[in-house]
PDB file of all heavy atoms in Angstrom:
ATOM      1  N   ALA A   1      92.580  89.511 119.354  1.00  0.00           N
ATOM      2  CA  ALA A   1      92.974  88.098 119.387  1.00  0.00           C
ATOM      3  C   ALA A   1      93.827  87.810 120.614  1.00  0.00           C
ATOM      4  O   ALA A   1      93.627  86.801 121.316  1.00  0.00           O
ATOM      5  CB  ALA A   1      93.728  87.735 118.111  1.00  0.00           C
ATOM      6  N   LEU A   2      94.764  88.701 120.912  1.00  0.00           N
ATOM      7  CA  LEU A   2      95.595  88.526 122.102  1.00  0.00           C
ATOM      8  C   LEU A   2      94.780  88.705 123.376  1.00  0.00           C
ATOM      9  O   LEU A   2      94.986  88.001 124.373  1.00  0.00           O
ATOM     10  CB  LEU A   2      96.752  89.519 122.080  1.00  0.00           C
ATOM     11  CG  LEU A   2      97.876  89.204 121.092  1.00  0.00           C
ATOM     12  CD1 LEU A   2      98.849  90.363 121.022  1.00  0.00           C
ATOM     13  CD2 LEU A   2      98.601  87.924 121.482  1.00  0.00           C
ATOM     14  N   GLN A   3      93.843  89.642 123.348  1.00  0.00           N
ATOM     15  CA  GLN A   3      92.982  89.849 124.506  1.00  0.00           C
ATOM     16  C   GLN A   3      92.129  88.609 124.775  1.00  0.00           C
ATOM     17  O   GLN A   3      91.910  88.224 125.927  1.00  0.00           O
ATOM     18  CB  GLN A   3      92.084  91.056 124.283  1.00  0.00           C
ATOM     19  CG  GLN A   3      91.159  91.364 125.463  1.00  0.00           C
ATOM     20  CD  GLN A   3      90.228  92.522 125.169  1.00  0.00           C
ATOM     21  OE1 GLN A   3      90.488  93.317 124.265  1.00  0.00           O
ATOM     22  NE2 GLN A   3      89.141  92.616 125.898  1.00  0.00           N
ATOM     23  N   ALA A   4      91.649  87.982 123.699  1.00  0.00           N
ATOM     24  CA  ALA A   4      90.853  86.767 123.862  1.00  0.00           C
ATOM     25  C   ALA A   4      91.667  85.676 124.543  1.00  0.00           C
ATOM     26  O   ALA A   4      91.161  84.951 125.410  1.00  0.00           O
ATOM     27  CB  ALA A   4      90.348  86.288 122.502  1.00  0.00           C
ATOM     28  N   ALA A   5      92.936  85.561 124.152  1.00  0.00           N
ATOM     29  CA  ALA A   5      93.801  84.566 124.782  1.00  0.00           C
ATOM     30  C   ALA A   5      94.060  84.912 126.247  1.00  0.00           C
ATOM     31  O   ALA A   5      93.950  84.056 127.137  1.00  0.00           O
ATOM     32  CB  ALA A   5      95.112  84.457 124.022  1.00  0.00           C
ATOM     33  N   ALA A   6      94.370  86.172 126.510  1.00  0.00           N
ATOM     34  CA  ALA A   6      94.725  86.590 127.869  1.00  0.00           C
ATOM     35  C   ALA A   6      93.539  86.508 128.821  1.00  0.00           C
ATOM     36  O   ALA A   6      93.703  86.173 130.004  1.00  0.00           O
ATOM     37  CB  ALA A   6      95.281  88.004 127.843  1.00  0.00           C
ATOM     38  N   SER A   7      92.343  86.801 128.322  1.00  0.00           N
ATOM     39  CA  SER A   7      91.160  86.855 129.178  1.00  0.00           C
ATOM     40  C   SER A   7      90.340  85.568 129.148  1.00  0.00           C
ATOM     41  O   SER A   7      89.313  85.488 129.832  1.00  0.00           O
ATOM     42  CB  SER A   7      90.263  88.034 128.756  1.00  0.00           C
ATOM     43  OG  SER A   7      90.972  89.248 128.825  1.00  0.00           O
ATOM     44  N   GLY A   8      90.768  84.591 128.358  1.00  0.00           N
ATOM     45  CA  GLY A   8      90.033  83.341 128.290  1.00  0.00           C
ATOM     46  C   GLY A   8      88.671  83.479 127.646  1.00  0.00           C
ATOM     47  O   GLY A   8      87.694  82.864 128.099  1.00  0.00           O
ATOM     48  N   LEU A   9      88.592  84.274 126.581  1.00  0.00           N
ATOM     49  CA  LEU A   9      87.319  84.487 125.902  1.00  0.00           C
ATOM     50  C   LEU A   9      87.093  83.352 124.906  1.00  0.00           C
ATOM     51  O   LEU A   9      87.503  83.426 123.754  1.00  0.00           O
ATOM     52  CB  LEU A   9      87.317  85.834 125.171  1.00  0.00           C
ATOM     53  CG  LEU A   9      87.608  87.077 126.014  1.00  0.00           C
ATOM     54  CD1 LEU A   9      87.598  88.326 125.138  1.00  0.00           C
ATOM     55  CD2 LEU A   9      86.589  87.213 127.138  1.00  0.00           C
ATOM     56  N   GLY A  10      86.452  82.295 125.351  1.00  0.00           N
ATOM     57  CA  GLY A  10      86.195  81.163 124.476  1.00  0.00           C
ATOM     58  C   GLY A  10      84.971  81.369 123.625  1.00  0.00           C
ATOM     59  O   GLY A  10      84.220  82.334 123.775  1.00  0.00           O
ATOM     60  N   GLY A  11      84.752  80.461 122.683  1.00  0.00           N
ATOM     61  CA  GLY A  11      83.566  80.501 121.849  1.00  0.00           C
ATOM     62  C   GLY A  11      83.747  81.348 120.601  1.00  0.00           C
ATOM     63  O   GLY A  11      84.855  81.550 120.109  1.00  0.00           O
ATOM     64  N   ILE A  12      82.638  81.869 120.086  1.00  0.00           N
ATOM     65  CA  ILE A  12      82.601  82.557 118.799  1.00  0.00           C
ATOM     66  C   ILE A  12      82.381  84.050 119.008  1.00  0.00           C
ATOM     67  O   ILE A  12      81.568  84.459 119.838  1.00  0.00           O
ATOM     68  CB  ILE A  12      81.484  81.980 117.922  1.00  0.00           C
ATOM     69  CG1 ILE A  12      81.783  80.503 117.612  1.00  0.00           C
ATOM     70  CG2 ILE A  12      81.313  82.760 116.624  1.00  0.00           C
ATOM     71  CD1 ILE A  12      80.619  79.763 117.034  1.00  0.00           C
ATOM     72  N   TRP A  13      83.084  84.858 118.194  1.00  0.00           N
ATOM     73  CA  TRP A  13      83.018  86.311 118.334  1.00  0.00           C
ATOM     74  C   TRP A  13      82.996  86.971 116.960  1.00  0.00           C
ATOM     75  O   TRP A  13      83.865  86.686 116.124  1.00  0.00           O
ATOM     76  CB  TRP A  13      84.248  86.829 119.109  1.00  0.00           C
ATOM     77  CG  TRP A  13      84.364  86.209 120.468  1.00  0.00           C
ATOM     78  CD1 TRP A  13      84.854  84.966 120.779  1.00  0.00           C
ATOM     79  CD2 TRP A  13      83.957  86.796 121.707  1.00  0.00           C
ATOM     80  NE1 TRP A  13      84.787  84.751 122.131  1.00  0.00           N
ATOM     81  CE2 TRP A  13      84.234  85.846 122.731  1.00  0.00           C
ATOM     82  CE3 TRP A  13      83.395  88.021 122.062  1.00  0.00           C
ATOM     83  CZ2 TRP A  13      83.962  86.096 124.071  1.00  0.00           C
ATOM     84  CZ3 TRP A  13      83.128  88.277 123.402  1.00  0.00           C
ATOM     85  CH2 TRP A  13      83.410  87.326 124.386  1.00  0.00           C
ATOM     86  N   ASN A  14      82.016  87.827 116.729  1.00  0.00           N
ATOM     87  CA  ASN A  14      82.049  88.676 115.545  1.00  0.00           C
ATOM     88  C   ASN A  14      83.067  89.783 115.782  1.00  0.00           C
ATOM     89  O   ASN A  14      82.941  90.552 116.749  1.00  0.00           O
ATOM     90  CB  ASN A  14      80.681  89.311 115.282  1.00  0.00           C
ATOM     91  CG  ASN A  14      79.666  88.335 114.714  1.00  0.00           C
ATOM     92  OD1 ASN A  14      80.017  87.237 114.274  1.00  0.00           O
ATOM     93  ND2 ASN A  14      78.413  88.727 114.722  1.00  0.00           N
ATOM     94  N   VAL A  15      84.071  89.867 114.915  1.00  0.00           N
ATOM     95  CA  VAL A  15      85.131  90.861 115.092  1.00  0.00           C
ATOM     96  C   VAL A  15      85.236  91.685 113.816  1.00  0.00           C
ATOM     97  O   VAL A  15      85.877  91.288 112.841  1.00  0.00           O
ATOM     98  CB  VAL A  15      86.479  90.190 115.430  1.00  0.00           C
ATOM     99  CG1 VAL A  15      87.570  91.241 115.624  1.00  0.00           C
ATOM    100  CG2 VAL A  15      86.342  89.333 116.688  1.00  0.00           C
ATOM    101  N   THR A  16      84.559  92.800 113.812  1.00  0.00           N
ATOM    102  CA  THR A  16      84.614  93.740 112.707  1.00  0.00           C
ATOM    103  C   THR A  16      84.279  95.120 113.258  1.00  0.00           C
ATOM    104  O   THR A  16      84.172  95.291 114.472  1.00  0.00           O
ATOM    105  CB  THR A  16      83.658  93.310 111.572  1.00  0.00           C
ATOM    106  OG1 THR A  16      83.855  94.166 110.437  1.00  0.00           O
ATOM    107  CG2 THR A  16      82.195  93.338 111.993  1.00  0.00           C
ATOM    108  N   GLY A  17      84.141  96.113 112.375  1.00  0.00           N
ATOM    109  CA  GLY A  17      83.913  97.461 112.847  1.00  0.00           C
ATOM    110  C   GLY A  17      82.448  97.812 112.963  1.00  0.00           C
ATOM    111  O   GLY A  17      81.567  97.012 112.662  1.00  0.00           O
ATOM    112  N   ARG A  18      82.198  99.027 113.435  1.00  0.00           N
ATOM    113  CA  ARG A  18      80.831  99.542 113.452  1.00  0.00           C
ATOM    114  C   ARG A  18      80.453 100.012 112.053  1.00  0.00           C
ATOM    115  O   ARG A  18      81.299 100.466 111.285  1.00  0.00           O
ATOM    116  CB  ARG A  18      80.709 100.703 114.433  1.00  0.00           C
ATOM    117  CG  ARG A  18      81.077 100.334 115.868  1.00  0.00           C
ATOM    118  CD  ARG A  18      80.793 101.507 116.807  1.00  0.00           C
ATOM    119  NE  ARG A  18      81.328 101.242 118.147  1.00  0.00           N
ATOM    120  CZ  ARG A  18      82.512 101.646 118.560  1.00  0.00           C
ATOM    121  NH1 ARG A  18      83.284 102.340 117.741  1.00  0.00           N
ATOM    122  NH2 ARG A  18      82.938 101.368 119.780  1.00  0.00           N
ATOM    123  N   GLY A  19      79.182  99.921 111.730  1.00  0.00           N
ATOM    124  CA  GLY A  19      78.735 100.351 110.418  1.00  0.00           C
ATOM    125  C   GLY A  19      78.820 101.865 110.269  1.00  0.00           C
ATOM    126  O   GLY A  19      78.267 102.613 111.079  1.00  0.00           O
ATOM    127  N   VAL A  20      79.521 102.314 109.252  1.00  0.00           N
ATOM    128  CA  VAL A  20      79.654 103.740 108.943  1.00  0.00           C
ATOM    129  C   VAL A  20      79.091 103.957 107.541  1.00  0.00           C
ATOM    130  O   VAL A  20      79.449 103.227 106.615  1.00  0.00           O
ATOM    131  CB  VAL A  20      81.130 104.181 108.990  1.00  0.00           C
ATOM    132  CG1 VAL A  20      81.272 105.659 108.623  1.00  0.00           C
ATOM    133  CG2 VAL A  20      81.724 103.911 110.366  1.00  0.00           C
ATOM    134  N   PRO A  21      78.212 104.929 107.333  1.00  0.00           N
ATOM    135  CA  PRO A  21      77.647 105.151 105.997  1.00  0.00           C
ATOM    136  C   PRO A  21      78.733 105.367 104.942  1.00  0.00           C
ATOM    137  O   PRO A  21      79.760 105.998 105.210  1.00  0.00           O
ATOM    138  CB  PRO A  21      76.796 106.410 106.176  1.00  0.00           C
ATOM    139  CG  PRO A  21      76.442 106.420 107.629  1.00  0.00           C
ATOM    140  CD  PRO A  21      77.642 105.844 108.338  1.00  0.00           C
ATOM    141  N   ARG A  22      78.484 104.832 103.755  1.00  0.00           N
ATOM    142  CA  ARG A  22      79.457 104.974 102.667  1.00  0.00           C
ATOM    143  C   ARG A  22      79.836 106.431 102.439  1.00  0.00           C
ATOM    144  O   ARG A  22      81.006 106.758 102.201  1.00  0.00           O
ATOM    145  CB  ARG A  22      78.880 104.404 101.370  1.00  0.00           C
ATOM    146  CG  ARG A  22      78.809 102.886 101.325  1.00  0.00           C
ATOM    147  CD  ARG A  22      78.090 102.417 100.072  1.00  0.00           C
ATOM    148  NE  ARG A  22      77.970 100.962 100.046  1.00  0.00           N
ATOM    149  CZ  ARG A  22      77.160 100.301  99.222  1.00  0.00           C
ATOM    150  NH1 ARG A  22      76.392 100.976  98.376  1.00  0.00           N
ATOM    151  NH2 ARG A  22      77.107  98.988  99.246  1.00  0.00           N
ATOM    152  N   ARG A  23      78.860 107.313 102.505  1.00  0.00           N
ATOM    153  CA  ARG A  23      79.127 108.729 102.288  1.00  0.00           C
ATOM    154  C   ARG A  23      80.216 109.230 103.247  1.00  0.00           C
ATOM    155  O   ARG A  23      81.113 109.980 102.854  1.00  0.00           O
ATOM    156  CB  ARG A  23      77.839 109.533 102.497  1.00  0.00           C
ATOM    157  CG  ARG A  23      77.968 111.007 102.147  1.00  0.00           C
ATOM    158  CD  ARG A  23      76.791 111.815 102.699  1.00  0.00           C
ATOM    159  NE  ARG A  23      75.511 111.273 102.306  1.00  0.00           N
ATOM    160  CZ  ARG A  23      74.902 111.536 101.154  1.00  0.00           C
ATOM    161  NH1 ARG A  23      75.494 112.324 100.271  1.00  0.00           N
ATOM    162  NH2 ARG A  23      73.714 111.018 100.891  1.00  0.00           N
ATOM    163  N   GLU A  24      80.124 108.813 104.516  1.00  0.00           N
ATOM    164  CA  GLU A  24      81.100 109.257 105.504  1.00  0.00           C
ATOM    165  C   GLU A  24      82.466 108.617 105.280  1.00  0.00           C
ATOM    166  O   GLU A  24      83.503 109.256 105.492  1.00  0.00           O
ATOM    167  CB  GLU A  24      80.585 108.947 106.909  1.00  0.00           C
ATOM    168  CG  GLU A  24      79.354 109.741 107.301  1.00  0.00           C
ATOM    169  CD  GLU A  24      78.910 109.454 108.726  1.00  0.00           C
ATOM    170  OE1 GLU A  24      79.756 108.991 109.524  1.00  0.00           O
ATOM    171  OE2 GLU A  24      77.733 109.697 109.041  1.00  0.00           O
ATOM    172  N   VAL A  25      82.480 107.334 104.868  1.00  0.00           N
ATOM    173  CA  VAL A  25      83.754 106.650 104.629  1.00  0.00           C
ATOM    174  C   VAL A  25      84.504 107.322 103.488  1.00  0.00           C
ATOM    175  O   VAL A  25      85.692 107.672 103.609  1.00  0.00           O
ATOM    176  CB  VAL A  25      83.521 105.159 104.324  1.00  0.00           C
ATOM    177  CG1 VAL A  25      84.829 104.499 103.890  1.00  0.00           C
ATOM    178  CG2 VAL A  25      82.963 104.440 105.547  1.00  0.00           C
ATOM    179  N   PHE A  26      83.821 107.529 102.348  1.00  0.00           N
ATOM    180  CA  PHE A  26      84.483 108.165 101.215  1.00  0.00           C
ATOM    181  C   PHE A  26      84.861 109.611 101.546  1.00  0.00           C
ATOM    182  O   PHE A  26      85.928 110.091 101.135  1.00  0.00           O
ATOM    183  CB  PHE A  26      83.582 108.104  99.982  1.00  0.00           C
ATOM    184  CG  PHE A  26      83.331 106.710  99.479  1.00  0.00           C
ATOM    185  CD1 PHE A  26      82.060 106.292  99.136  1.00  0.00           C
ATOM    186  CD2 PHE A  26      84.375 105.809  99.345  1.00  0.00           C
ATOM    187  CE1 PHE A  26      81.825 105.003  98.679  1.00  0.00           C
ATOM    188  CE2 PHE A  26      84.161 104.518  98.884  1.00  0.00           C
ATOM    189  CZ  PHE A  26      82.871 104.114  98.552  1.00  0.00           C
ATOM    190  N   GLY A  27      84.015 110.290 102.291  1.00  0.00           N
ATOM    191  CA  GLY A  27      84.326 111.651 102.693  1.00  0.00           C
ATOM    192  C   GLY A  27      85.548 111.725 103.586  1.00  0.00           C
ATOM    193  O   GLY A  27      86.359 112.650 103.470  1.00  0.00           O
ATOM    194  N   GLU A  28      85.703 110.745 104.484  1.00  0.00           N
ATOM    195  CA  GLU A  28      86.871 110.742 105.366  1.00  0.00           C
ATOM    196  C   GLU A  28      88.149 110.454 104.590  1.00  0.00           C
ATOM    197  O   GLU A  28      89.206 111.030 104.879  1.00  0.00           O
ATOM    198  CB  GLU A  28      86.670 109.707 106.482  1.00  0.00           C
ATOM    199  CG  GLU A  28      87.761 109.677 107.532  1.00  0.00           C
ATOM    200  CD  GLU A  28      87.836 110.926 108.404  1.00  0.00           C
ATOM    201  OE1 GLU A  28      87.060 111.879 108.179  1.00  0.00           O
ATOM    202  OE2 GLU A  28      88.680 110.946 109.315  1.00  0.00           O
ATOM    203  N   ILE A  29      88.069 109.574 103.588  1.00  0.00           N
ATOM    204  CA  ILE A  29      89.247 109.335 102.752  1.00  0.00           C
ATOM    205  C   ILE A  29      89.656 110.624 102.052  1.00  0.00           C
ATOM    206  O   ILE A  29      90.838 110.981 102.013  1.00  0.00           O
ATOM    207  CB  ILE A  29      88.962 108.223 101.718  1.00  0.00           C
ATOM    208  CG1 ILE A  29      88.705 106.882 102.413  1.00  0.00           C
ATOM    209  CG2 ILE A  29      90.145 108.085 100.754  1.00  0.00           C
ATOM    210  CD1 ILE A  29      88.263 105.771 101.478  1.00  0.00           C
ATOM    211  N   ALA A  30      88.674 111.338 101.499  1.00  0.00           N
ATOM    212  CA  ALA A  30      88.970 112.600 100.811  1.00  0.00           C
ATOM    213  C   ALA A  30      89.566 113.626 101.766  1.00  0.00           C
ATOM    214  O   ALA A  30      90.508 114.351 101.415  1.00  0.00           O
ATOM    215  CB  ALA A  30      87.701 113.141 100.162  1.00  0.00           C
ATOM    216  N   ARG A  31      89.045 113.683 102.985  1.00  0.00           N
ATOM    217  CA  ARG A  31      89.563 114.638 103.967  1.00  0.00           C
ATOM    218  C   ARG A  31      91.022 114.348 104.280  1.00  0.00           C
ATOM    219  O   ARG A  31      91.869 115.251 104.294  1.00  0.00           O
ATOM    220  CB  ARG A  31      88.729 114.590 105.241  1.00  0.00           C
ATOM    221  CG  ARG A  31      89.148 115.626 106.280  1.00  0.00           C
ATOM    222  CD  ARG A  31      88.547 115.332 107.638  1.00  0.00           C
ATOM    223  NE  ARG A  31      89.076 114.122 108.257  1.00  0.00           N
ATOM    224  CZ  ARG A  31      90.262 114.056 108.865  1.00  0.00           C
ATOM    225  NH1 ARG A  31      91.056 115.133 108.925  1.00  0.00           N
ATOM    226  NH2 ARG A  31      90.661 112.926 109.418  1.00  0.00           N
ATOM    227  N   VAL A  32      91.327 113.070 104.534  1.00  0.00           N
ATOM    228  CA  VAL A  32      92.698 112.696 104.886  1.00  0.00           C
ATOM    229  C   VAL A  32      93.640 112.917 103.703  1.00  0.00           C
ATOM    230  O   VAL A  32      94.772 113.389 103.866  1.00  0.00           O
ATOM    231  CB  VAL A  32      92.746 111.221 105.366  1.00  0.00           C
ATOM    232  CG1 VAL A  32      94.186 110.774 105.578  1.00  0.00           C
ATOM    233  CG2 VAL A  32      91.947 111.054 106.658  1.00  0.00           C
ATOM    234  N   ALA A  33      93.159 112.598 102.500  1.00  0.00           N
ATOM    235  CA  ALA A  33      93.990 112.746 101.307  1.00  0.00           C
ATOM    236  C   ALA A  33      94.112 114.191 100.854  1.00  0.00           C
ATOM    237  O   ALA A  33      95.000 114.524 100.060  1.00  0.00           O
ATOM    238  CB  ALA A  33      93.430 111.893 100.172  1.00  0.00           C
ATOM    239  N   GLY A  34      93.213 115.063 101.327  1.00  0.00           N
ATOM    240  CA  GLY A  34      93.238 116.456 100.919  1.00  0.00           C
ATOM    241  C   GLY A  34      92.698 116.667  99.520  1.00  0.00           C
ATOM    242  O   GLY A  34      93.150 117.580  98.809  1.00  0.00           O
ATOM    243  N   THR A  35      91.735 115.852  99.104  1.00  0.00           N
ATOM    244  CA  THR A  35      91.144 115.976  97.773  1.00  0.00           C
ATOM    245  C   THR A  35      89.668 116.363  97.889  1.00  0.00           C
ATOM    246  O   THR A  35      89.054 116.212  98.946  1.00  0.00           O
ATOM    247  CB  THR A  35      91.271 114.663  96.986  1.00  0.00           C
ATOM    248  OG1 THR A  35      90.596 113.618  97.701  1.00  0.00           O
ATOM    249  CG2 THR A  35      92.733 114.268  96.814  1.00  0.00           C
ATOM    250  N   THR A  36      89.108 116.830  96.776  1.00  0.00           N
ATOM    251  CA  THR A  36      87.690 117.222  96.755  1.00  0.00           C
ATOM    252  C   THR A  36      87.023 116.630  95.514  1.00  0.00           C
ATOM    253  O   THR A  36      86.732 117.355  94.551  1.00  0.00           O
ATOM    254  CB  THR A  36      87.544 118.756  96.753  1.00  0.00           C
ATOM    255  OG1 THR A  36      88.318 119.298  95.667  1.00  0.00           O
ATOM    256  CG2 THR A  36      88.013 119.341  98.075  1.00  0.00           C
ATOM    257  N   PRO A  37      86.771 115.319  95.515  1.00  0.00           N
ATOM    258  CA  PRO A  37      86.210 114.674  94.329  1.00  0.00           C
ATOM    259  C   PRO A  37      84.754 115.076  94.095  1.00  0.00           C
ATOM    260  O   PRO A  37      84.041 115.526  94.999  1.00  0.00           O
ATOM    261  CB  PRO A  37      86.306 113.177  94.658  1.00  0.00           C
ATOM    262  CG  PRO A  37      87.233 113.076  95.822  1.00  0.00           C
ATOM    263  CD  PRO A  37      87.083 114.351  96.574  1.00  0.00           C
ATOM    264  N   ASP A  38      84.328 114.844  92.857  1.00  0.00           N
ATOM    265  CA  ASP A  38      82.925 114.948  92.485  1.00  0.00           C
ATOM    266  C   ASP A  38      82.379 113.524  92.491  1.00  0.00           C
ATOM    267  O   ASP A  38      82.708 112.723  91.616  1.00  0.00           O
ATOM    268  CB  ASP A  38      82.812 115.569  91.093  1.00  0.00           C
ATOM    269  CG  ASP A  38      81.372 115.600  90.592  1.00  0.00           C
ATOM    270  OD1 ASP A  38      80.448 115.505  91.431  1.00  0.00           O
ATOM    271  OD2 ASP A  38      81.182 115.672  89.366  1.00  0.00           O
ATOM    272  N   TRP A  39      81.573 113.195  93.500  1.00  0.00           N
ATOM    273  CA  TRP A  39      81.088 111.817  93.632  1.00  0.00           C
ATOM    274  C   TRP A  39      80.010 111.526  92.591  1.00  0.00           C
ATOM    275  O   TRP A  39      79.106 112.324  92.396  1.00  0.00           O
ATOM    276  CB  TRP A  39      80.511 111.577  95.028  1.00  0.00           C
ATOM    277  CG  TRP A  39      81.398 111.943  96.175  1.00  0.00           C
ATOM    278  CD1 TRP A  39      81.169 112.903  97.113  1.00  0.00           C
ATOM    279  CD2 TRP A  39      82.669 111.368  96.504  1.00  0.00           C
ATOM    280  NE1 TRP A  39      82.201 112.962  98.011  1.00  0.00           N
ATOM    281  CE2 TRP A  39      83.140 112.032  97.668  1.00  0.00           C
ATOM    282  CE3 TRP A  39      83.451 110.371  95.933  1.00  0.00           C
ATOM    283  CZ2 TRP A  39      84.356 111.727  98.267  1.00  0.00           C
ATOM    284  CZ3 TRP A  39      84.668 110.049  96.531  1.00  0.00           C
ATOM    285  CH2 TRP A  39      85.096 110.730  97.682  1.00  0.00           C
ATOM    286  N   ARG A  40      80.116 110.374  91.954  1.00  0.00           N
ATOM    287  CA  ARG A  40      79.073 109.892  91.051  1.00  0.00           C
ATOM    288  C   ARG A  40      78.534 108.589  91.644  1.00  0.00           C
ATOM    289  O   ARG A  40      79.185 107.548  91.545  1.00  0.00           O
ATOM    290  CB  ARG A  40      79.645 109.647  89.654  1.00  0.00           C
ATOM    291  CG  ARG A  40      78.612 109.145  88.640  1.00  0.00           C
ATOM    292  CD  ARG A  40      77.706 110.244  88.161  1.00  0.00           C
ATOM    293  NE  ARG A  40      78.460 111.314  87.502  1.00  0.00           N
ATOM    294  CZ  ARG A  40      78.858 111.268  86.215  1.00  0.00           C
ATOM    295  NH1 ARG A  40      78.569 110.237  85.467  1.00  0.00           N
ATOM    296  NH2 ARG A  40      79.526 112.280  85.704  1.00  0.00           N
ATOM    297  N   TRP A  41      77.359 108.667  92.258  1.00  0.00           N
ATOM    298  CA  TRP A  41      76.770 107.500  92.910  1.00  0.00           C
ATOM    299  C   TRP A  41      76.106 106.613  91.853  1.00  0.00           C
ATOM    300  O   TRP A  41      75.200 107.041  91.152  1.00  0.00           O
ATOM    301  CB  TRP A  41      75.755 107.933  93.958  1.00  0.00           C
ATOM    302  CG  TRP A  41      76.402 108.690  95.076  1.00  0.00           C
ATOM    303  CD1 TRP A  41      76.508 110.038  95.199  1.00  0.00           C
ATOM    304  CD2 TRP A  41      77.082 108.136  96.205  1.00  0.00           C
ATOM    305  NE1 TRP A  41      77.205 110.375  96.338  1.00  0.00           N
ATOM    306  CE2 TRP A  41      77.569 109.223  96.982  1.00  0.00           C
ATOM    307  CE3 TRP A  41      77.327 106.829  96.645  1.00  0.00           C
ATOM    308  CZ2 TRP A  41      78.284 109.045  98.161  1.00  0.00           C
ATOM    309  CZ3 TRP A  41      78.035 106.650  97.821  1.00  0.00           C
ATOM    310  CH2 TRP A  41      78.505 107.742  98.569  1.00  0.00           C
ATOM    311  N   VAL A  42      76.600 105.380  91.732  1.00  0.00           N
ATOM    312  CA  VAL A  42      76.126 104.488  90.676  1.00  0.00           C
ATOM    313  C   VAL A  42      75.371 103.311  91.288  1.00  0.00           C
ATOM    314  O   VAL A  42      75.711 102.810  92.366  1.00  0.00           O
ATOM    315  CB  VAL A  42      77.287 103.988  89.802  1.00  0.00           C
ATOM    316  CG1 VAL A  42      77.929 105.147  89.055  1.00  0.00           C
ATOM    317  CG2 VAL A  42      78.339 103.259  90.635  1.00  0.00           C
ATOM    318  N   THR A  43      74.352 102.876  90.592  1.00  0.00           N
ATOM    319  CA  THR A  43      73.500 101.782  91.079  1.00  0.00           C
ATOM    320  C   THR A  43      74.036 100.434  90.618  1.00  0.00           C
ATOM    321  O   THR A  43      74.897 100.348  89.733  1.00  0.00           O
ATOM    322  CB  THR A  43      72.077 101.954  90.554  1.00  0.00           C
ATOM    323  OG1 THR A  43      72.095 101.814  89.123  1.00  0.00           O
ATOM    324  CG2 THR A  43      71.506 103.318  90.931  1.00  0.00           C
ATOM    325  N   ALA A  44      73.464  99.383  91.192  1.00  0.00           N
ATOM    326  CA  ALA A  44      73.834  98.028  90.788  1.00  0.00           C
ATOM    327  C   ALA A  44      73.526  97.791  89.320  1.00  0.00           C
ATOM    328  O   ALA A  44      74.298  97.130  88.605  1.00  0.00           O
ATOM    329  CB  ALA A  44      73.099  97.011  91.662  1.00  0.00           C
ATOM    330  N   ALA A  45      72.406  98.334  88.845  1.00  0.00           N
ATOM    331  CA  ALA A  45      72.037  98.164  87.441  1.00  0.00           C
ATOM    332  C   ALA A  45      73.047  98.848  86.521  1.00  0.00           C
ATOM    333  O   ALA A  45      73.407  98.314  85.463  1.00  0.00           O
ATOM    334  CB  ALA A  45      70.640  98.722  87.198  1.00  0.00           C
ATOM    335  N   GLN A  46      73.520 100.023  86.922  1.00  0.00           N
ATOM    336  CA  GLN A  46      74.509 100.719  86.114  1.00  0.00           C
ATOM    337  C   GLN A  46      75.840  99.970  86.093  1.00  0.00           C
ATOM    338  O   GLN A  46      76.506  99.898  85.054  1.00  0.00           O
ATOM    339  CB  GLN A  46      74.705 102.139  86.648  1.00  0.00           C
ATOM    340  CG  GLN A  46      73.512 103.048  86.399  1.00  0.00           C
ATOM    341  CD  GLN A  46      73.626 104.379  87.133  1.00  0.00           C
ATOM    342  OE1 GLN A  46      74.047 104.420  88.294  1.00  0.00           O
ATOM    343  NE2 GLN A  46      73.256 105.460  86.473  1.00  0.00           N
TER     344      GLN A  46
END
């Protein structure tokens, strides 16, 4: 946001992260937390 102001970046900008697979996101949380969960992947129907 500050860079946009400083550089005169007008208009519309998508500002979010790169897509990371859910498996990697949950795995990284476990790595940082030092835990080893048993993942149960559940569907929308479940």
